[in-house]
Amino acid sequence: MLRKKGFIKGVNFGGWLSQCDYSPEHLAGFITDPDFRQAADFGFDHVRIPIDYNILQTGNGFIDSGFALIDSALASCRRYGLKTILDIHKTAGFSFDEGSTESGFFDSEKYQEQFYALWTELARRYGSAPDNVAFELLNEVTDKAYITAWNRIARECIKRIRVHAPETIILVGSYNNNGAAEVQYLDEPYDSNIVYNFHCYEPLEFTHQGATWTVRIDPAKRVSFEESGTSEEYFEELFSTAVAKAEKHGVSLYCGEYGMIDLASAEDSLKWFRTIHTVFEKHGISRSVWNYKEMDFGLTDKKYDGMRDELLKYL
């Protein structure tokens, strides 16, 4: 489904409308029209735009200036022949970030109704362009305990979206931060325009070496590609149940995030990207690399100067 509509090789504009300070200066200047042009020049066919709910929504309504940012982004995408995935990265009552104060979403009818209202508005505004704009319901559901509620919430949300966007592709991910192995626990697709979504930063001790924002990583430890155990066989096993689930229901798979931290060497990073790319291509998995710039994973950062053209072959 995604490949038929031209969503194959994308890049994340993370840190622009999410995981940021929300200042007017940042929102106006972190990503601008030339960045969309650069993404197209790099050979990407789409951009994934993570968006925190508070850019677009207050408790009682919507924020016109936030939607104006999306309107501008979509205009730039049209200008440079890019398609777009709109991703709600954080919603009222839930964030994937460790230590976040957002909580209660999976038990709160109020928060869930706010989530439905936001997606209804997004569908109303952008549901008329199903060949060029796709929707990703929520970034990285975390705990296993949420999956039953999440399956119910996702189904109800899709039902409401379909009133305004009957043909738009909708991406749905599972728990364990959109884990590939957890795709199997998603409900059957609501309709034929659903895509199963996962993220891949595995092996985490390799892709996130030196990270200070998660307790799962020793920030002092460094791991080489050879030490990491990364191989095509490793990814085949990791993705096997997701591939089987997608094949069973006749839906596409999408990897919405994958990438290598800037503290890993460029040479080792290239090896990792080359390996995972082979498995993506074997199974027809569309994807979006994390991240276009900065956020500790920047594709345009100095780390890849001198080998960026080679890297782009494997994204």
C-alpha atoms as a PDB file:
ATOM      1  CA  MET A   1       0.000   0.000   0.000  1.00  0.00           C
ATOM      2  CA  LEU A   2       2.677   2.522   0.989  1.00  0.00           C
ATOM      3  CA  ARG A   3       4.983   1.625  -1.871  1.00  0.00           C
ATOM      4  CA  LYS A   4       2.148   1.793  -4.384  1.00  0.00           C
ATOM      5  CA  LYS A   5       1.555   5.380  -3.271  1.00  0.00           C
ATOM      6  CA  GLY A   6       5.260   6.253  -3.397  1.00  0.00           C
ATOM      7  CA  PHE A   7       6.097   6.196   0.333  1.00  0.00           C
ATOM      8  CA  ILE A   8       9.337   4.203   0.237  1.00  0.00           C
ATOM      9  CA  LYS A   9      12.347   6.146   1.515  1.00  0.00           C
ATOM     10  CA  GLY A  10      11.725   8.947   4.018  1.00  0.00           C
ATOM     11  CA  VAL A  11      13.436  11.119   6.586  1.00  0.00           C
ATOM     12  CA  ASN A  12      12.225  12.414   9.949  1.00  0.00           C
ATOM     13  CA  PHE A  13      12.034  16.113  10.706  1.00  0.00           C
ATOM     14  CA  GLY A  14      12.249  15.329  14.403  1.00  0.00           C
ATOM     15  CA  GLY A  15      12.901  18.085  16.904  1.00  0.00           C
ATOM     16  CA  TRP A  16      10.969  20.698  14.933  1.00  0.00           C
ATOM     17  CA  LEU A  17       7.354  20.417  16.118  1.00  0.00           C
ATOM     18  CA  SER A  18       8.149  17.935  18.893  1.00  0.00           C
ATOM     19  CA  GLN A  19      10.755  17.419  21.624  1.00  0.00           C
ATOM     20  CA  CYS A  20      11.576  21.123  21.511  1.00  0.00           C
ATOM     21  CA  ASP A  21      11.233  24.325  23.511  1.00  0.00           C
ATOM     22  CA  TYR A  22       8.163  25.442  21.482  1.00  0.00           C
ATOM     23  CA  SER A  23       9.483  28.986  21.196  1.00  0.00           C
ATOM     24  CA  PRO A  24       8.296  31.029  18.186  1.00  0.00           C
ATOM     25  CA  GLU A  25      11.906  31.353  17.056  1.00  0.00           C
ATOM     26  CA  HIS A  26      12.435  27.594  17.063  1.00  0.00           C
ATOM     27  CA  LEU A  27       9.139  26.766  15.355  1.00  0.00           C
ATOM     28  CA  ALA A  28       9.814  29.310  12.614  1.00  0.00           C
ATOM     29  CA  GLY A  29      13.480  28.523  12.075  1.00  0.00           C
ATOM     30  CA  PHE A  30      14.481  24.933  12.893  1.00  0.00           C
ATOM     31  CA  ILE A  31      13.049  23.520   9.650  1.00  0.00           C
ATOM     32  CA  THR A  32      12.386  25.847   6.704  1.00  0.00           C
ATOM     33  CA  ASP A  33      11.591  25.507   3.011  1.00  0.00           C
ATOM     34  CA  PRO A  34      15.226  24.816   1.946  1.00  0.00           C
ATOM     35  CA  ASP A  35      15.274  21.770   4.241  1.00  0.00           C
ATOM     36  CA  PHE A  36      12.407  20.238   2.296  1.00  0.00           C
ATOM     37  CA  ARG A  37      14.296  20.922  -0.911  1.00  0.00           C
ATOM     38  CA  GLN A  38      17.416  19.316   0.567  1.00  0.00           C
ATOM     39  CA  ALA A  39      15.449  16.232   1.604  1.00  0.00           C
ATOM     40  CA  ALA A  40      14.205  15.848  -1.960  1.00  0.00           C
ATOM     41  CA  ASP A  41      17.712  16.422  -3.341  1.00  0.00           C
ATOM     42  CA  PHE A  42      18.973  13.643  -1.054  1.00  0.00           C
ATOM     43  CA  GLY A  43      16.557  11.306  -2.828  1.00  0.00           C
ATOM     44  CA  PHE A  44      13.879  10.984  -0.164  1.00  0.00           C
ATOM     45  CA  ASP A  45      10.302  10.635  -1.384  1.00  0.00           C
ATOM     46  CA  HIS A  46       8.592  11.609   1.878  1.00  0.00           C
ATOM     47  CA  VAL A  47       9.121  13.275   5.229  1.00  0.00           C
ATOM     48  CA  ARG A  48       7.732  12.159   8.564  1.00  0.00           C
ATOM     49  CA  ILE A  49       6.825  15.134  10.736  1.00  0.00           C
ATOM     50  CA  PRO A  50       6.527  14.389  14.482  1.00  0.00           C
ATOM     51  CA  ILE A  51       4.108  16.819  16.157  1.00  0.00           C
ATOM     52  CA  ASP A  52       3.350  17.276  19.851  1.00  0.00           C
ATOM     53  CA  TYR A  53      -0.321  17.831  20.602  1.00  0.00           C
ATOM     54  CA  ASN A  54       0.259  21.152  22.338  1.00  0.00           C
ATOM     55  CA  ILE A  55       1.426  22.666  19.035  1.00  0.00           C
ATOM     56  CA  LEU A  56      -2.092  22.124  17.689  1.00  0.00           C
ATOM     57  CA  GLN A  57      -4.473  21.743  20.599  1.00  0.00           C
ATOM     58  CA  THR A  58      -5.513  23.301  23.870  1.00  0.00           C
ATOM     59  CA  GLY A  59      -7.905  21.690  26.300  1.00  0.00           C
ATOM     60  CA  ASN A  60     -10.792  23.586  24.743  1.00  0.00           C
ATOM     61  CA  GLY A  61      -9.881  23.952  21.105  1.00  0.00           C
ATOM     62  CA  PHE A  62      -7.249  24.232  18.416  1.00  0.00           C
ATOM     63  CA  ILE A  63      -4.303  26.519  17.749  1.00  0.00           C
ATOM     64  CA  ASP A  64      -4.438  28.146  14.316  1.00  0.00           C
ATOM     65  CA  SER A  65      -0.731  29.016  14.307  1.00  0.00           C
ATOM     66  CA  GLY A  66       0.133  25.338  14.786  1.00  0.00           C
ATOM     67  CA  PHE A  67      -1.988  24.239  11.859  1.00  0.00           C
ATOM     68  CA  ALA A  68      -0.432  27.032   9.802  1.00  0.00           C
ATOM     69  CA  LEU A  69       2.947  25.337  10.320  1.00  0.00           C
ATOM     70  CA  ILE A  70       1.544  22.097   8.922  1.00  0.00           C
ATOM     71  CA  ASP A  71      -0.033  23.956   6.009  1.00  0.00           C
ATOM     72  CA  SER A  72       3.329  25.512   5.205  1.00  0.00           C
ATOM     73  CA  ALA A  73       5.100  22.140   5.493  1.00  0.00           C
ATOM     74  CA  LEU A  74       2.635  20.518   3.114  1.00  0.00           C
ATOM     75  CA  ALA A  75       3.086  23.371   0.649  1.00  0.00           C
ATOM     76  CA  SER A  76       6.851  22.800   0.713  1.00  0.00           C
ATOM     77  CA  CYS A  77       6.321  19.070   0.232  1.00  0.00           C
ATOM     78  CA  ARG A  78       4.168  19.721  -2.834  1.00  0.00           C
ATOM     79  CA  ARG A  79       6.751  22.152  -4.170  1.00  0.00           C
ATOM     80  CA  TYR A  80       9.520  19.547  -4.061  1.00  0.00           C
ATOM     81  CA  GLY A  81       7.526  16.426  -4.848  1.00  0.00           C
ATOM     82  CA  LEU A  82       7.581  15.004  -1.327  1.00  0.00           C
ATOM     83  CA  LYS A  83       4.838  13.068   0.413  1.00  0.00           C
ATOM     84  CA  THR A  84       4.137  13.538   4.124  1.00  0.00           C
ATOM     85  CA  ILE A  85       3.438  11.461   7.211  1.00  0.00           C
ATOM     86  CA  LEU A  86       1.878  13.430  10.072  1.00  0.00           C
ATOM     87  CA  ASP A  87       2.817  11.775  13.373  1.00  0.00           C
ATOM     88  CA  ILE A  88       1.318  12.696  16.738  1.00  0.00           C
ATOM     89  CA  HIS A  89       4.443  12.303  18.821  1.00  0.00           C
ATOM     90  CA  LYS A  90       2.884  13.193  22.166  1.00  0.00           C
ATOM     91  CA  THR A  91      -0.763  13.439  23.191  1.00  0.00           C
ATOM     92  CA  ALA A  92      -2.479  14.782  26.292  1.00  0.00           C
ATOM     93  CA  GLY A  93      -1.822  12.278  29.052  1.00  0.00           C
ATOM     94  CA  PHE A  94       0.936  10.316  27.316  1.00  0.00           C
ATOM     95  CA  SER A  95       4.527  10.719  26.201  1.00  0.00           C
ATOM     96  CA  PHE A  96       7.094   8.042  25.382  1.00  0.00           C
ATOM     97  CA  ASP A  97       9.896  10.054  27.058  1.00  0.00           C
ATOM     98  CA  GLU A  98      11.292   8.495  30.216  1.00  0.00           C
ATOM     99  CA  GLY A  99      10.412  10.731  33.152  1.00  0.00           C
ATOM    100  CA  SER A 100       7.638  12.590  31.327  1.00  0.00           C
ATOM    101  CA  THR A 101       4.924  14.187  33.459  1.00  0.00           C
ATOM    102  CA  GLU A 102       2.237  13.338  30.885  1.00  0.00           C
ATOM    103  CA  SER A 103       0.244  10.383  32.223  1.00  0.00           C
ATOM    104  CA  GLY A 104      -3.212   8.839  32.444  1.00  0.00           C
ATOM    105  CA  PHE A 105      -4.118   8.651  28.745  1.00  0.00           C
ATOM    106  CA  PHE A 106      -4.916   4.940  28.607  1.00  0.00           C
ATOM    107  CA  ASP A 107      -7.333   5.172  31.553  1.00  0.00           C
ATOM    108  CA  SER A 108      -8.849   8.595  30.925  1.00  0.00           C
ATOM    109  CA  GLU A 109     -11.925   9.054  28.755  1.00  0.00           C
ATOM    110  CA  LYS A 110     -11.260  12.812  28.806  1.00  0.00           C
ATOM    111  CA  TYR A 111      -7.751  12.425  27.369  1.00  0.00           C
ATOM    112  CA  GLN A 112      -8.941   9.886  24.832  1.00  0.00           C
ATOM    113  CA  GLU A 113     -11.711  12.196  23.635  1.00  0.00           C
ATOM    114  CA  GLN A 114      -9.120  14.953  23.277  1.00  0.00           C
ATOM    115  CA  PHE A 115      -7.016  12.577  21.166  1.00  0.00           C
ATOM    116  CA  TYR A 116     -10.009  11.694  18.983  1.00  0.00           C
ATOM    117  CA  ALA A 117     -10.870  15.362  18.574  1.00  0.00           C
ATOM    118  CA  LEU A 118      -7.347  16.198  17.413  1.00  0.00           C
ATOM    119  CA  TRP A 119      -7.335  13.424  14.842  1.00  0.00           C
ATOM    120  CA  THR A 120     -10.826  14.349  13.660  1.00  0.00           C
ATOM    121  CA  GLU A 121      -9.580  17.877  13.009  1.00  0.00           C
ATOM    122  CA  LEU A 122      -6.447  16.637  11.244  1.00  0.00           C
ATOM    123  CA  ALA A 123      -8.595  14.358   9.099  1.00  0.00           C
ATOM    124  CA  ARG A 124     -10.997  17.169   8.302  1.00  0.00           C
ATOM    125  CA  ARG A 125      -8.150  19.428   7.198  1.00  0.00           C
ATOM    126  CA  TYR A 126      -5.862  16.948   5.431  1.00  0.00           C
ATOM    127  CA  GLY A 127      -7.943  13.904   4.570  1.00  0.00           C
ATOM    128  CA  SER A 128      -8.616  15.031   1.005  1.00  0.00           C
ATOM    129  CA  ALA A 129      -5.082  14.171  -0.188  1.00  0.00           C
ATOM    130  CA  PRO A 130      -4.767  10.414   0.462  1.00  0.00           C
ATOM    131  CA  ASP A 131      -2.100   9.929  -2.205  1.00  0.00           C
ATOM    132  CA  ASN A 132       0.237  12.427  -0.567  1.00  0.00           C
ATOM    133  CA  VAL A 133      -0.530  12.622   3.173  1.00  0.00           C
ATOM    134  CA  ALA A 134      -0.607   9.698   5.626  1.00  0.00           C
ATOM    135  CA  PHE A 135      -1.451   9.687   9.330  1.00  0.00           C
ATOM    136  CA  GLU A 136       0.462   8.035  12.186  1.00  0.00           C
ATOM    137  CA  LEU A 137      -1.797   7.779  15.223  1.00  0.00           C
ATOM    138  CA  LEU A 138       0.694   7.897  18.100  1.00  0.00           C
ATOM    139  CA  ASN A 139       4.427   7.589  18.552  1.00  0.00           C
ATOM    140  CA  GLU A 140       5.809   4.735  20.645  1.00  0.00           C
ATOM    141  CA  VAL A 141       3.291   3.257  23.036  1.00  0.00           C
ATOM    142  CA  THR A 142       5.515   2.088  25.867  1.00  0.00           C
ATOM    143  CA  ASP A 143       4.255  -0.506  28.339  1.00  0.00           C
ATOM    144  CA  LYS A 144       2.825  -3.931  27.559  1.00  0.00           C
ATOM    145  CA  ALA A 145       0.019  -3.167  30.006  1.00  0.00           C
ATOM    146  CA  TYR A 146      -1.349  -0.555  27.576  1.00  0.00           C
ATOM    147  CA  ILE A 147      -1.855  -2.800  24.532  1.00  0.00           C
ATOM    148  CA  THR A 148      -5.479  -3.821  25.173  1.00  0.00           C
ATOM    149  CA  ALA A 149      -6.543  -0.236  25.754  1.00  0.00           C
ATOM    150  CA  TRP A 150      -4.428   0.934  22.826  1.00  0.00           C
ATOM    151  CA  ASN A 151      -6.027  -1.486  20.381  1.00  0.00           C
ATOM    152  CA  ARG A 152      -9.451  -0.217  21.459  1.00  0.00           C
ATOM    153  CA  ILE A 153      -8.422   3.452  21.295  1.00  0.00           C
ATOM    154  CA  ALA A 154      -6.786   3.045  17.891  1.00  0.00           C
ATOM    155  CA  ARG A 155      -9.877   1.391  16.442  1.00  0.00           C
ATOM    156  CA  GLU A 156     -12.193   4.111  17.729  1.00  0.00           C
ATOM    157  CA  CYS A 157      -9.839   6.819  16.486  1.00  0.00           C
ATOM    158  CA  ILE A 158      -9.645   5.300  13.019  1.00  0.00           C
ATOM    159  CA  LYS A 159     -13.444   5.058  12.920  1.00  0.00           C
ATOM    160  CA  ARG A 160     -13.684   8.806  13.560  1.00  0.00           C
ATOM    161  CA  ILE A 161     -10.923   9.645  11.091  1.00  0.00           C
ATOM    162  CA  ARG A 162     -12.699   7.695   8.375  1.00  0.00           C
ATOM    163  CA  VAL A 163     -15.654  10.079   8.445  1.00  0.00           C
ATOM    164  CA  HIS A 164     -13.416  12.725   6.863  1.00  0.00           C
ATOM    165  CA  ALA A 165     -10.550  10.676   5.407  1.00  0.00           C
ATOM    166  CA  PRO A 166     -11.917   7.384   4.070  1.00  0.00           C
ATOM    167  CA  GLU A 167      -8.858   6.538   1.941  1.00  0.00           C
ATOM    168  CA  THR A 168      -5.940   8.015   3.877  1.00  0.00           C
ATOM    169  CA  ILE A 169      -3.255   5.552   4.964  1.00  0.00           C
ATOM    170  CA  ILE A 170      -3.157   5.238   8.751  1.00  0.00           C
ATOM    171  CA  LEU A 171      -0.094   3.823  10.523  1.00  0.00           C
ATOM    172  CA  VAL A 172      -0.544   1.932  13.801  1.00  0.00           C
ATOM    173  CA  GLY A 173       2.297   0.742  16.026  1.00  0.00           C
ATOM    174  CA  SER A 174       2.445  -1.530  19.053  1.00  0.00           C
ATOM    175  CA  TYR A 175       3.927  -1.311  22.541  1.00  0.00           C
ATOM    176  CA  ASN A 176       7.577  -1.476  23.638  1.00  0.00           C
ATOM    177  CA  ASN A 177       8.113   1.829  21.818  1.00  0.00           C
ATOM    178  CA  ASN A 178       6.759   0.529  18.515  1.00  0.00           C
ATOM    179  CA  GLY A 179       8.770  -2.641  18.833  1.00  0.00           C
ATOM    180  CA  ALA A 180       8.989  -4.840  15.740  1.00  0.00           C
ATOM    181  CA  ALA A 181       8.460  -8.019  17.776  1.00  0.00           C
ATOM    182  CA  GLU A 182       5.313  -6.500  19.299  1.00  0.00           C
ATOM    183  CA  VAL A 183       3.523  -5.826  15.987  1.00  0.00           C
ATOM    184  CA  GLN A 184       1.991  -9.281  16.367  1.00  0.00           C
ATOM    185  CA  TYR A 185      -0.132  -8.005  19.269  1.00  0.00           C
ATOM    186  CA  LEU A 186      -1.972  -5.401  17.221  1.00  0.00           C
ATOM    187  CA  ASP A 187      -5.591  -6.069  16.305  1.00  0.00           C
ATOM    188  CA  GLU A 188      -6.579  -6.990  12.780  1.00  0.00           C
ATOM    189  CA  PRO A 189      -6.529  -3.926  10.512  1.00  0.00           C
ATOM    190  CA  TYR A 190      -9.629  -1.745  10.564  1.00  0.00           C
ATOM    191  CA  ASP A 191      -9.693  -1.619   6.757  1.00  0.00           C
ATOM    192  CA  SER A 192      -7.459  -1.967   3.702  1.00  0.00           C
ATOM    193  CA  ASN A 193      -5.727   1.389   4.257  1.00  0.00           C
ATOM    194  CA  ILE A 194      -4.051   0.437   7.549  1.00  0.00           C
ATOM    195  CA  VAL A 195      -0.276  -0.070   7.788  1.00  0.00           C
ATOM    196  CA  TYR A 196       1.556  -1.762  10.666  1.00  0.00           C
ATOM    197  CA  ASN A 197       4.285   0.523  11.971  1.00  0.00           C
ATOM    198  CA  PHE A 198       7.429  -0.237  13.972  1.00  0.00           C
ATOM    199  CA  HIS A 199      10.677   1.469  14.965  1.00  0.00           C
ATOM    200  CA  CYS A 200      14.113  -0.112  15.004  1.00  0.00           C
ATOM    201  CA  TYR A 201      17.130   1.006  17.015  1.00  0.00           C
ATOM    202  CA  GLU A 202      18.432  -2.472  17.625  1.00  0.00           C
ATOM    203  CA  PRO A 203      20.813  -3.522  19.031  1.00  0.00           C
ATOM    204  CA  LEU A 204      20.126  -0.571  21.358  1.00  0.00           C
ATOM    205  CA  GLU A 205      23.526  -0.750  23.066  1.00  0.00           C
ATOM    206  CA  PHE A 206      25.064  -0.128  19.636  1.00  0.00           C
ATOM    207  CA  THR A 207      22.732   2.461  18.073  1.00  0.00           C
ATOM    208  CA  HIS A 208      22.355   4.420  21.322  1.00  0.00           C
ATOM    209  CA  GLN A 209      25.855   4.056  22.740  1.00  0.00           C
ATOM    210  CA  GLY A 210      26.679   7.004  24.947  1.00  0.00           C
ATOM    211  CA  ALA A 211      23.038   8.076  25.328  1.00  0.00           C
ATOM    212  CA  THR A 212      22.310   9.844  28.603  1.00  0.00           C
ATOM    213  CA  TRP A 213      18.507  10.016  28.389  1.00  0.00           C
ATOM    214  CA  THR A 214      17.683   6.355  29.035  1.00  0.00           C
ATOM    215  CA  VAL A 215      18.490   4.099  31.966  1.00  0.00           C
ATOM    216  CA  ARG A 216      18.875   1.188  29.527  1.00  0.00           C
ATOM    217  CA  ILE A 217      22.269   2.471  28.360  1.00  0.00           C
ATOM    218  CA  ASP A 218      25.582   2.843  30.154  1.00  0.00           C
ATOM    219  CA  PRO A 219      26.726   6.213  28.739  1.00  0.00           C
ATOM    220  CA  ALA A 220      30.389   5.330  29.256  1.00  0.00           C
ATOM    221  CA  LYS A 221      30.294   2.152  27.169  1.00  0.00           C
ATOM    222  CA  ARG A 222      31.224   2.029  23.471  1.00  0.00           C
ATOM    223  CA  VAL A 223      30.361  -0.828  21.099  1.00  0.00           C
ATOM    224  CA  SER A 224      31.782  -1.534  17.643  1.00  0.00           C
ATOM    225  CA  PHE A 225      29.750  -2.947  14.758  1.00  0.00           C
ATOM    226  CA  GLU A 226      31.549  -6.268  15.077  1.00  0.00           C
ATOM    227  CA  GLU A 227      30.867  -6.427  18.814  1.00  0.00           C
ATOM    228  CA  SER A 228      27.175  -5.534  18.371  1.00  0.00           C
ATOM    229  CA  GLY A 229      26.114  -8.799  16.755  1.00  0.00           C
ATOM    230  CA  THR A 230      24.351  -6.952  13.935  1.00  0.00           C
ATOM    231  CA  SER A 231      23.754  -9.063  10.834  1.00  0.00           C
ATOM    232  CA  GLU A 232      21.097  -9.692   8.217  1.00  0.00           C
ATOM    233  CA  GLU A 233      20.133 -12.808  10.159  1.00  0.00           C
ATOM    234  CA  TYR A 234      19.708 -10.695  13.291  1.00  0.00           C
ATOM    235  CA  PHE A 235      17.202  -8.384  11.580  1.00  0.00           C
ATOM    236  CA  GLU A 236      15.451 -11.282   9.847  1.00  0.00           C
ATOM    237  CA  GLU A 237      14.753 -12.821  13.239  1.00  0.00           C
ATOM    238  CA  LEU A 238      13.789  -9.492  14.811  1.00  0.00           C
ATOM    239  CA  PHE A 239      11.283  -8.692  12.066  1.00  0.00           C
ATOM    240  CA  SER A 240       9.979 -12.222  11.530  1.00  0.00           C
ATOM    241  CA  THR A 241       6.757 -12.021  13.540  1.00  0.00           C
ATOM    242  CA  ALA A 242       5.934  -8.559  12.163  1.00  0.00           C
ATOM    243  CA  VAL A 243       6.434  -9.816   8.613  1.00  0.00           C
ATOM    244  CA  ALA A 244       4.222 -12.821   9.343  1.00  0.00           C
ATOM    245  CA  LYS A 245       1.507 -10.626  10.885  1.00  0.00           C
ATOM    246  CA  ALA A 246       1.532  -8.251   7.911  1.00  0.00           C
ATOM    247  CA  GLU A 247       1.406 -11.118   5.422  1.00  0.00           C
ATOM    248  CA  LYS A 248      -1.479 -12.751   7.295  1.00  0.00           C
ATOM    249  CA  HIS A 249      -3.604  -9.617   7.021  1.00  0.00           C
ATOM    250  CA  GLY A 250      -2.340  -8.417   3.657  1.00  0.00           C
ATOM    251  CA  VAL A 251      -1.009  -5.088   4.940  1.00  0.00           C
ATOM    252  CA  SER A 252       2.245  -3.158   4.506  1.00  0.00           C
ATOM    253  CA  LEU A 253       4.974  -2.739   7.107  1.00  0.00           C
ATOM    254  CA  TYR A 254       6.606   0.616   7.780  1.00  0.00           C
ATOM    255  CA  CYS A 255       9.642   1.436   9.908  1.00  0.00           C
ATOM    256  CA  GLY A 256       8.924   4.979  11.055  1.00  0.00           C
ATOM    257  CA  GLU A 257      12.232   5.470  12.844  1.00  0.00           C
ATOM    258  CA  TYR A 258      15.667   3.876  12.653  1.00  0.00           C
ATOM    259  CA  GLY A 259      19.100   5.405  13.025  1.00  0.00           C
ATOM    260  CA  MET A 260      22.531   5.651  14.608  1.00  0.00           C
ATOM    261  CA  ILE A 261      23.641   8.007  17.354  1.00  0.00           C
ATOM    262  CA  ASP A 262      26.308  10.580  16.503  1.00  0.00           C
ATOM    263  CA  LEU A 263      28.724   9.041  19.042  1.00  0.00           C
ATOM    264  CA  ALA A 264      29.101   5.904  16.915  1.00  0.00           C
ATOM    265  CA  SER A 265      31.669   6.156  14.138  1.00  0.00           C
ATOM    266  CA  ALA A 266      30.494   7.003  10.643  1.00  0.00           C
ATOM    267  CA  GLU A 267      32.092   3.816   9.334  1.00  0.00           C
ATOM    268  CA  ASP A 268      30.273   1.582  11.825  1.00  0.00           C
ATOM    269  CA  SER A 269      27.045   3.482  11.239  1.00  0.00           C
ATOM    270  CA  LEU A 270      27.298   2.878   7.494  1.00  0.00           C
ATOM    271  CA  LYS A 271      27.717  -0.855   8.114  1.00  0.00           C
ATOM    272  CA  TRP A 272      24.568  -0.889  10.246  1.00  0.00           C
ATOM    273  CA  PHE A 273      22.533   1.057   7.695  1.00  0.00           C
ATOM    274  CA  ARG A 274      23.734  -1.182   4.863  1.00  0.00           C
ATOM    275  CA  THR A 275      22.730  -4.296   6.785  1.00  0.00           C
ATOM    276  CA  ILE A 276      19.240  -3.186   7.810  1.00  0.00           C
ATOM    277  CA  HIS A 277      18.616  -1.750   4.317  1.00  0.00           C
ATOM    278  CA  THR A 278      19.143  -5.191   2.779  1.00  0.00           C
ATOM    279  CA  VAL A 279      16.427  -6.676   4.990  1.00  0.00           C
ATOM    280  CA  PHE A 280      14.046  -3.752   4.433  1.00  0.00           C
ATOM    281  CA  GLU A 281      14.366  -4.205   0.692  1.00  0.00           C
ATOM    282  CA  LYS A 282      13.946  -7.984   0.861  1.00  0.00           C
ATOM    283  CA  HIS A 283      10.587  -7.619   2.593  1.00  0.00           C
ATOM    284  CA  GLY A 284       9.403  -4.434   0.858  1.00  0.00           C
ATOM    285  CA  ILE A 285       9.437  -2.414   4.089  1.00  0.00           C
ATOM    286  CA  SER A 286       9.135   1.334   3.600  1.00  0.00           C
ATOM    287  CA  ARG A 287      10.931   3.469   6.177  1.00  0.00           C
ATOM    288  CA  SER A 288      11.937   6.881   7.484  1.00  0.00           C
ATOM    289  CA  VAL A 289      15.396   7.448   8.923  1.00  0.00           C
ATOM    290  CA  TRP A 290      15.880   9.340  12.197  1.00  0.00           C
ATOM    291  CA  ASN A 291      16.878  12.151  11.861  1.00  0.00           C
ATOM    292  CA  TYR A 292      17.369  14.908   9.269  1.00  0.00           C
ATOM    293  CA  LYS A 293      19.354  17.180  11.593  1.00  0.00           C
ATOM    294  CA  GLU A 294      20.605  17.322  15.172  1.00  0.00           C
ATOM    295  CA  MET A 295      18.727  15.369  17.898  1.00  0.00           C
ATOM    296  CA  ASP A 296      21.946  13.286  18.339  1.00  0.00           C
ATOM    297  CA  PHE A 297      21.199  11.414  15.089  1.00  0.00           C
ATOM    298  CA  GLY A 298      21.521  14.072  12.385  1.00  0.00           C
ATOM    299  CA  LEU A 299      21.997  12.950   8.800  1.00  0.00           C
ATOM    300  CA  THR A 300      23.152  16.441   7.812  1.00  0.00           C
ATOM    301  CA  ASP A 301      25.587  16.759  10.720  1.00  0.00           C
ATOM    302  CA  LYS A 302      29.369  16.772  10.245  1.00  0.00           C
ATOM    303  CA  LYS A 303      29.697  13.100  11.161  1.00  0.00           C
ATOM    304  CA  TYR A 304      28.768  12.008   7.633  1.00  0.00           C
ATOM    305  CA  ASP A 305      30.743  14.612   5.707  1.00  0.00           C
ATOM    306  CA  GLY A 306      32.764  12.728   3.118  1.00  0.00           C
ATOM    307  CA  MET A 307      30.550   9.639   3.039  1.00  0.00           C
ATOM    308  CA  ARG A 308      27.011  11.041   2.885  1.00  0.00           C
ATOM    309  CA  ASP A 309      26.507  10.093  -0.769  1.00  0.00           C
ATOM    310  CA  GLU A 310      27.448   6.513   0.042  1.00  0.00           C
ATOM    311  CA  LEU A 311      25.171   6.491   3.086  1.00  0.00           C
ATOM    312  CA  LEU A 312      22.200   7.736   1.101  1.00  0.00           C
ATOM    313  CA  LYS A 313      22.350   4.570  -1.022  1.00  0.00           C
ATOM    314  CA  TYR A 314      21.347   2.583   2.051  1.00  0.00           C
ATOM    315  CA  LEU A 315      18.522   4.671   3.505  1.00  0.00           C
END
